Structures are given as C-alpha cells and as structure tokens.
C-alpha cells in the first residue's frame, strides 16, 4: 500500500473528528482500511513463510503452520 493511500485514511480520520463523514467518505475509508489490513496480512504471511527454526543440530526447518 502506498503512502498516499495511508495519508488519505489519516485525513479521513481527522475529518471525522470535526464533522460526520458523508456516506461516500465512509465507504472510501472502509475500502482503504480493508486494503491496508489485507496488505499487512500479506506482508506478515510472507515474512512467516520465510522464517526458519534452527534446532540443536544446526539444521534449518520451516516454521510449521498453525491450524
């Protein structure tokens, strides 16, 4: 997610503190927030997929997935 979209989320939050948001602004903020959350989840998933555990023998094993 780029900086401009994150700034827009922040801008809409600041606006909501001074006046109620219009329905279009609420929908835009909800869509941007959903995109941001998806971006964070994808980043975390990628990081965890590239994480390895090293056992006592020095062998690397991929991090097991939780059910």
C-alpha atoms as a PDB file:
ATOM      1  CA  UNK A   1       0.000   0.000   0.000  1.00  0.00           C
ATOM      2  CA  UNK A   2       1.436   3.363  -0.951  1.00  0.00           C
ATOM      3  CA  UNK A   3       1.944   6.385   1.277  1.00  0.00           C
ATOM      4  CA  UNK A   4      -0.792   8.425  -0.426  1.00  0.00           C
ATOM      5  CA  UNK A   5      -3.490   5.913   0.499  1.00  0.00           C
ATOM      6  CA  UNK A   6      -2.315   5.721   4.110  1.00  0.00           C
ATOM      7  CA  UNK A   7      -2.324   9.534   4.259  1.00  0.00           C
ATOM      8  CA  UNK A   8      -5.885   9.528   2.895  1.00  0.00           C
ATOM      9  CA  UNK A   9      -7.007   7.169   5.686  1.00  0.00           C
ATOM     10  CA  UNK A  10      -5.438   9.532   8.217  1.00  0.00           C
ATOM     11  CA  UNK A  11      -7.053  12.540   6.566  1.00  0.00           C
ATOM     12  CA  UNK A  12     -10.498  10.942   6.690  1.00  0.00           C
ATOM     13  CA  UNK A  13      -9.967  10.098  10.361  1.00  0.00           C
ATOM     14  CA  UNK A  14      -9.042  13.724  11.126  1.00  0.00           C
ATOM     15  CA  UNK A  15     -12.118  14.939   9.252  1.00  0.00           C
ATOM     16  CA  UNK A  16     -14.348  12.520  11.187  1.00  0.00           C
ATOM     17  CA  UNK A  17     -13.228  14.138  14.448  1.00  0.00           C
ATOM     18  CA  UNK A  18     -14.513  17.546  13.354  1.00  0.00           C
ATOM     19  CA  UNK A  19     -17.667  16.600  11.435  1.00  0.00           C
ATOM     20  CA  UNK A  20     -19.593  13.495  10.434  1.00  0.00           C
ATOM     21  CA  UNK A  21     -18.345  11.851   7.247  1.00  0.00           C
ATOM     22  CA  UNK A  22     -20.568  11.589   4.205  1.00  0.00           C
ATOM     23  CA  UNK A  23     -21.638   8.158   3.007  1.00  0.00           C
ATOM     24  CA  UNK A  24     -19.104   8.354   0.153  1.00  0.00           C
ATOM     25  CA  UNK A  25     -16.306   9.205   2.593  1.00  0.00           C
ATOM     26  CA  UNK A  26     -17.351   6.388   4.923  1.00  0.00           C
ATOM     27  CA  UNK A  27     -17.314   3.922   2.037  1.00  0.00           C
ATOM     28  CA  UNK A  28     -13.912   5.200   0.871  1.00  0.00           C
ATOM     29  CA  UNK A  29     -12.459   4.928   4.384  1.00  0.00           C
ATOM     30  CA  UNK A  30     -13.822   1.393   4.806  1.00  0.00           C
ATOM     31  CA  UNK A  31     -12.351   0.305   1.451  1.00  0.00           C
ATOM     32  CA  UNK A  32      -8.969   1.866   2.234  1.00  0.00           C
ATOM     33  CA  UNK A  33      -8.891   0.265   5.674  1.00  0.00           C
ATOM     34  CA  UNK A  34      -9.724  -3.151   4.210  1.00  0.00           C
ATOM     35  CA  UNK A  35      -6.953  -2.729   1.637  1.00  0.00           C
ATOM     36  CA  UNK A  36      -4.499  -1.706   4.384  1.00  0.00           C
ATOM     37  CA  UNK A  37      -5.393  -4.710   6.556  1.00  0.00           C
ATOM     38  CA  UNK A  38      -5.005  -7.059   3.571  1.00  0.00           C
ATOM     39  CA  UNK A  39      -1.609  -5.511   2.850  1.00  0.00           C
ATOM     40  CA  UNK A  40      -0.433  -6.004   6.440  1.00  0.00           C
ATOM     41  CA  UNK A  41      -1.665  -9.605   6.478  1.00  0.00           C
ATOM     42  CA  UNK A  42       0.087 -10.379   3.184  1.00  0.00           C
ATOM     43  CA  UNK A  43       3.320  -8.872   4.456  1.00  0.00           C
ATOM     44  CA  UNK A  44       3.174 -10.850   7.692  1.00  0.00           C
ATOM     45  CA  UNK A  45       2.349 -14.089   5.858  1.00  0.00           C
ATOM     46  CA  UNK A  46       5.293 -13.570   3.529  1.00  0.00           C
ATOM     47  CA  UNK A  47       7.611 -12.904   6.446  1.00  0.00           C
ATOM     48  CA  UNK A  48       6.453 -16.006   8.317  1.00  0.00           C
ATOM     49  CA  UNK A  49       6.817 -18.194   5.230  1.00  0.00           C
ATOM     50  CA  UNK A  50      10.478 -17.172   5.056  1.00  0.00           C
ATOM     51  CA  UNK A  51      11.146 -17.809   8.756  1.00  0.00           C
ATOM     52  CA  UNK A  52      13.119 -20.895   9.731  1.00  0.00           C
ATOM     53  CA  UNK A  53      13.752 -22.551  13.073  1.00  0.00           C
ATOM     54  CA  UNK A  54      17.247 -23.823  13.821  1.00  0.00           C
ATOM     55  CA  UNK A  55      17.342 -26.937  16.005  1.00  0.00           C
ATOM     56  CA  UNK A  56      20.130 -28.064  18.331  1.00  0.00           C
ATOM     57  CA  UNK A  57      21.951 -29.796  15.461  1.00  0.00           C
ATOM     58  CA  UNK A  58      22.034 -26.588  13.415  1.00  0.00           C
ATOM     59  CA  UNK A  59      19.502 -27.772  10.825  1.00  0.00           C
ATOM     60  CA  UNK A  60      17.001 -25.269   9.496  1.00  0.00           C
ATOM     61  CA  UNK A  61      13.315 -26.177   9.395  1.00  0.00           C
ATOM     62  CA  UNK A  62      10.493 -24.036   8.072  1.00  0.00           C
ATOM     63  CA  UNK A  63       8.151 -22.607  10.639  1.00  0.00           C
ATOM     64  CA  UNK A  64       5.180 -25.025  10.998  1.00  0.00           C
ATOM     65  CA  UNK A  65       1.759 -23.668  10.103  1.00  0.00           C
ATOM     66  CA  UNK A  66      -0.873 -23.426  12.829  1.00  0.00           C
ATOM     67  CA  UNK A  67      -4.291 -24.913  12.220  1.00  0.00           C
END
